[in-house]
Amino acid sequence: MQISTILATKGSTVVTVTPDQTIREAVVLLVDKHIGAAVVIDGAGHPVGIISERDIMRLLAQNDHALSEPVSRVMTRNVTIARPGDDTRVVSKTMTVGRFRHLPVMDHGELVGIISIGDVVKAQLDEYEGEIETLQTRVEKG
């Protein structure tokens, strides 16, 4: 299954913040949207990073007054991305090895979505269940 299939199901809405927004603003956005990460974009709308709840927790563990700091202080800068044509098995391995919970999806330089490890696992389970049903039908028909 391809990442484009996941995006077709979940949608392509991407919550974004800018590097100069405060961490407090990012936290409010994550809480309001019930999400675990936001893509950090520059003035032209290009991704320059990602900020996750884990990034924020690490910073707050060091400095409990950090909520007024800019997102740029804590964001992950060298972001690994997925593409719509990528296979979920490859992306799953990338996310597991890199310990990423979220990956922005880029297509020809444009941000077209974001996926979570939960999205990928669900898609793989759905795919495997379909394969199992097909095999069971073949066995039953003999």
C-alpha atoms as a PDB file:
ATOM      1  CA  MET A   1       0.000   0.000   0.000  1.00  0.00           C
ATOM      2  CA  GLN A   2       1.202   3.487  -0.775  1.00  0.00           C
ATOM      3  CA  ILE A   3       1.225   6.564   1.436  1.00  0.00           C
ATOM      4  CA  SER A   4      -1.189   8.222  -1.008  1.00  0.00           C
ATOM      5  CA  THR A   5      -3.817   5.672   0.071  1.00  0.00           C
ATOM      6  CA  ILE A   6      -3.433   6.746   3.701  1.00  0.00           C
ATOM      7  CA  LEU A   7      -3.770  10.410   2.741  1.00  0.00           C
ATOM      8  CA  ALA A   8      -6.871   9.644   0.657  1.00  0.00           C
ATOM      9  CA  THR A   9      -8.473   8.134   3.766  1.00  0.00           C
ATOM     10  CA  LYS A  10      -7.326  10.550   6.471  1.00  0.00           C
ATOM     11  CA  GLY A  11      -7.116  13.712   4.419  1.00  0.00           C
ATOM     12  CA  SER A  12      -4.249  16.005   3.618  1.00  0.00           C
ATOM     13  CA  THR A  13      -4.728  18.720   6.221  1.00  0.00           C
ATOM     14  CA  VAL A  14      -1.420  19.679   7.790  1.00  0.00           C
ATOM     15  CA  VAL A  15      -1.233  21.789  10.932  1.00  0.00           C
ATOM     16  CA  THR A  16       1.685  24.194  10.686  1.00  0.00           C
ATOM     17  CA  VAL A  17       3.519  26.732  12.810  1.00  0.00           C
ATOM     18  CA  THR A  18       6.285  29.196  12.046  1.00  0.00           C
ATOM     19  CA  PRO A  19       9.741  29.208  13.646  1.00  0.00           C
ATOM     20  CA  ASP A  20       9.061  32.486  15.463  1.00  0.00           C
ATOM     21  CA  GLN A  21       5.822  31.379  17.123  1.00  0.00           C
ATOM     22  CA  THR A  22       6.179  30.550  20.800  1.00  0.00           C
ATOM     23  CA  ILE A  23       6.252  27.041  22.128  1.00  0.00           C
ATOM     24  CA  ARG A  24       3.144  27.970  24.134  1.00  0.00           C
ATOM     25  CA  GLU A  25       1.318  28.752  20.867  1.00  0.00           C
ATOM     26  CA  ALA A  26       2.444  25.425  19.428  1.00  0.00           C
ATOM     27  CA  VAL A  27       1.259  23.565  22.542  1.00  0.00           C
ATOM     28  CA  VAL A  28      -2.163  25.219  22.364  1.00  0.00           C
ATOM     29  CA  LEU A  29      -2.436  24.254  18.697  1.00  0.00           C
ATOM     30  CA  LEU A  30      -1.431  20.638  19.339  1.00  0.00           C
ATOM     31  CA  VAL A  31      -3.940  20.353  22.180  1.00  0.00           C
ATOM     32  CA  ASP A  32      -6.769  22.065  20.273  1.00  0.00           C
ATOM     33  CA  LYS A  33      -6.253  19.884  17.189  1.00  0.00           C
ATOM     34  CA  HIS A  34      -5.636  16.659  19.182  1.00  0.00           C
ATOM     35  CA  ILE A  35      -2.389  15.993  17.339  1.00  0.00           C
ATOM     36  CA  GLY A  36       1.152  15.096  18.322  1.00  0.00           C
ATOM     37  CA  ALA A  37       3.183  17.199  15.891  1.00  0.00           C
ATOM     38  CA  ALA A  38       3.081  20.248  13.635  1.00  0.00           C
ATOM     39  CA  VAL A  39       5.198  21.021  10.606  1.00  0.00           C
ATOM     40  CA  VAL A  40       7.276  24.198  10.936  1.00  0.00           C
ATOM     41  CA  ILE A  41       7.143  26.276   7.749  1.00  0.00           C
ATOM     42  CA  ASP A  42       8.963  29.365   6.513  1.00  0.00           C
ATOM     43  CA  GLY A  43       7.325  32.471   5.033  1.00  0.00           C
ATOM     44  CA  ALA A  44       7.028  30.778   1.637  1.00  0.00           C
ATOM     45  CA  GLY A  45       5.234  27.785   3.143  1.00  0.00           C
ATOM     46  CA  HIS A  46       8.187  25.412   2.810  1.00  0.00           C
ATOM     47  CA  PRO A  47       8.882  22.967   5.651  1.00  0.00           C
ATOM     48  CA  VAL A  48      11.931  23.888   7.722  1.00  0.00           C
ATOM     49  CA  GLY A  49      11.296  21.558  10.635  1.00  0.00           C
ATOM     50  CA  ILE A  50       8.807  19.685  12.746  1.00  0.00           C
ATOM     51  CA  ILE A  51       7.853  20.132  16.394  1.00  0.00           C
ATOM     52  CA  SER A  52       6.414  17.269  18.372  1.00  0.00           C
ATOM     53  CA  GLU A  53       5.067  16.779  21.843  1.00  0.00           C
ATOM     54  CA  ARG A  54       8.239  14.816  22.632  1.00  0.00           C
ATOM     55  CA  ASP A  55      10.412  17.773  21.581  1.00  0.00           C
ATOM     56  CA  ILE A  56       8.418  20.040  23.881  1.00  0.00           C
ATOM     57  CA  MET A  57       8.561  17.623  26.825  1.00  0.00           C
ATOM     58  CA  ARG A  58      12.352  17.321  26.489  1.00  0.00           C
ATOM     59  CA  LEU A  59      12.706  21.104  26.577  1.00  0.00           C
ATOM     60  CA  LEU A  60      10.342  21.542  29.528  1.00  0.00           C
ATOM     61  CA  ALA A  61      12.255  18.904  31.479  1.00  0.00           C
ATOM     62  CA  GLN A  62      15.316  21.162  31.193  1.00  0.00           C
ATOM     63  CA  ASN A  63      13.592  24.523  31.579  1.00  0.00           C
ATOM     64  CA  ASP A  64      10.062  24.847  32.924  1.00  0.00           C
ATOM     65  CA  HIS A  65       9.908  28.483  31.753  1.00  0.00           C
ATOM     66  CA  ALA A  66      10.545  27.608  28.111  1.00  0.00           C
ATOM     67  CA  LEU A  67       6.990  28.123  26.864  1.00  0.00           C
ATOM     68  CA  SER A  68       7.842  31.672  25.791  1.00  0.00           C
ATOM     69  CA  GLU A  69      10.790  30.457  23.687  1.00  0.00           C
ATOM     70  CA  PRO A  70      10.417  30.335  19.885  1.00  0.00           C
ATOM     71  CA  VAL A  71       9.536  27.075  18.146  1.00  0.00           C
ATOM     72  CA  SER A  72      12.882  27.298  16.328  1.00  0.00           C
ATOM     73  CA  ARG A  73      14.641  26.542  19.628  1.00  0.00           C
ATOM     74  CA  VAL A  74      13.210  23.050  19.922  1.00  0.00           C
ATOM     75  CA  MET A  75      12.084  21.981  16.442  1.00  0.00           C
ATOM     76  CA  THR A  76      13.752  19.127  14.620  1.00  0.00           C
ATOM     77  CA  ARG A  77      15.452  20.677  11.615  1.00  0.00           C
ATOM     78  CA  ASN A  78      16.611  17.851   9.374  1.00  0.00           C
ATOM     79  CA  VAL A  79      13.209  16.332   8.781  1.00  0.00           C
ATOM     80  CA  THR A  80      12.833  12.952   7.166  1.00  0.00           C
ATOM     81  CA  ILE A  81       9.917  12.985   4.748  1.00  0.00           C
ATOM     82  CA  ALA A  82       7.689  10.526   2.947  1.00  0.00           C
ATOM     83  CA  ARG A  83       6.345  10.766  -0.583  1.00  0.00           C
ATOM     84  CA  PRO A  84       2.862   9.764  -1.770  1.00  0.00           C
ATOM     85  CA  GLY A  85       4.272   6.864  -3.806  1.00  0.00           C
ATOM     86  CA  ASP A  86       6.271   5.383  -0.923  1.00  0.00           C
ATOM     87  CA  ASP A  87       5.293   1.912   0.260  1.00  0.00           C
ATOM     88  CA  THR A  88       3.971   1.711   3.826  1.00  0.00           C
ATOM     89  CA  ARG A  89       6.367  -1.129   4.682  1.00  0.00           C
ATOM     90  CA  VAL A  90       9.378   1.004   3.768  1.00  0.00           C
ATOM     91  CA  VAL A  91       7.987   4.033   5.619  1.00  0.00           C
ATOM     92  CA  SER A  92       7.200   1.883   8.666  1.00  0.00           C
ATOM     93  CA  LYS A  93      10.804   0.708   8.784  1.00  0.00           C
ATOM     94  CA  THR A  94      12.096   4.279   8.341  1.00  0.00           C
ATOM     95  CA  MET A  95       9.899   5.498  11.188  1.00  0.00           C
ATOM     96  CA  THR A  96      10.844   2.606  13.468  1.00  0.00           C
ATOM     97  CA  VAL A  97      14.592   2.837  12.856  1.00  0.00           C
ATOM     98  CA  GLY A  98      14.596   6.645  13.114  1.00  0.00           C
ATOM     99  CA  ARG A  99      12.173   6.613  16.059  1.00  0.00           C
ATOM    100  CA  PHE A 100       9.871   9.071  14.274  1.00  0.00           C
ATOM    101  CA  ARG A 101       6.202   9.232  15.192  1.00  0.00           C
ATOM    102  CA  HIS A 102       5.302  11.680  12.412  1.00  0.00           C
ATOM    103  CA  LEU A 103       6.507  12.273   8.860  1.00  0.00           C
ATOM    104  CA  PRO A 104       5.551  15.147   6.585  1.00  0.00           C
ATOM    105  CA  VAL A 105       4.557  14.000   3.097  1.00  0.00           C
ATOM    106  CA  MET A 106       6.057  15.986   0.223  1.00  0.00           C
ATOM    107  CA  ASP A 107       5.209  15.809  -3.470  1.00  0.00           C
ATOM    108  CA  HIS A 108       7.360  17.755  -5.949  1.00  0.00           C
ATOM    109  CA  GLY A 109       8.474  20.189  -3.250  1.00  0.00           C
ATOM    110  CA  GLU A 110       4.957  20.754  -1.904  1.00  0.00           C
ATOM    111  CA  LEU A 111       3.735  19.747   1.555  1.00  0.00           C
ATOM    112  CA  VAL A 112       0.733  17.494   0.857  1.00  0.00           C
ATOM    113  CA  GLY A 113       0.125  15.785   4.194  1.00  0.00           C
ATOM    114  CA  ILE A 114       1.488  14.308   7.381  1.00  0.00           C
ATOM    115  CA  ILE A 115       1.305  10.735   8.599  1.00  0.00           C
ATOM    116  CA  SER A 116       1.757   9.197  12.016  1.00  0.00           C
ATOM    117  CA  ILE A 117       3.099   5.780  12.891  1.00  0.00           C
ATOM    118  CA  GLY A 118      -0.469   4.929  13.926  1.00  0.00           C
ATOM    119  CA  ASP A 119      -1.708   5.778  10.419  1.00  0.00           C
ATOM    120  CA  VAL A 120       0.927   3.498   8.906  1.00  0.00           C
ATOM    121  CA  VAL A 121       0.247   0.601  11.294  1.00  0.00           C
ATOM    122  CA  LYS A 122      -3.514   0.840  10.683  1.00  0.00           C
ATOM    123  CA  ALA A 123      -2.981   0.832   6.907  1.00  0.00           C
ATOM    124  CA  GLN A 124      -0.722  -2.207   7.149  1.00  0.00           C
ATOM    125  CA  LEU A 125      -3.223  -4.066   9.335  1.00  0.00           C
ATOM    126  CA  ASP A 126      -6.018  -3.304   6.873  1.00  0.00           C
ATOM    127  CA  GLU A 127      -3.844  -4.558   4.026  1.00  0.00           C
ATOM    128  CA  TYR A 128      -2.897  -7.766   5.863  1.00  0.00           C
ATOM    129  CA  GLU A 129      -6.519  -8.448   6.809  1.00  0.00           C
ATOM    130  CA  GLY A 130      -7.458  -8.169   3.135  1.00  0.00           C
ATOM    131  CA  GLU A 131      -4.698 -10.588   2.179  1.00  0.00           C
ATOM    132  CA  ILE A 132      -5.825 -13.054   4.864  1.00  0.00           C
ATOM    133  CA  GLU A 133      -9.424 -12.927   3.604  1.00  0.00           C
ATOM    134  CA  THR A 134      -8.236 -13.559   0.044  1.00  0.00           C
ATOM    135  CA  LEU A 135      -6.151 -16.543   1.131  1.00  0.00           C
ATOM    136  CA  GLN A 136      -8.987 -17.971   3.240  1.00  0.00           C
ATOM    137  CA  THR A 137     -11.361 -17.709   0.291  1.00  0.00           C
ATOM    138  CA  ARG A 138      -8.876 -19.505  -1.960  1.00  0.00           C
ATOM    139  CA  VAL A 139      -8.388 -22.286   0.594  1.00  0.00           C
ATOM    140  CA  GLU A 140     -12.145 -22.708   1.082  1.00  0.00           C
ATOM    141  CA  LYS A 141     -12.726 -22.925  -2.676  1.00  0.00           C
ATOM    142  CA  GLY A 142      -9.921 -25.460  -2.836  1.00  0.00           C
END
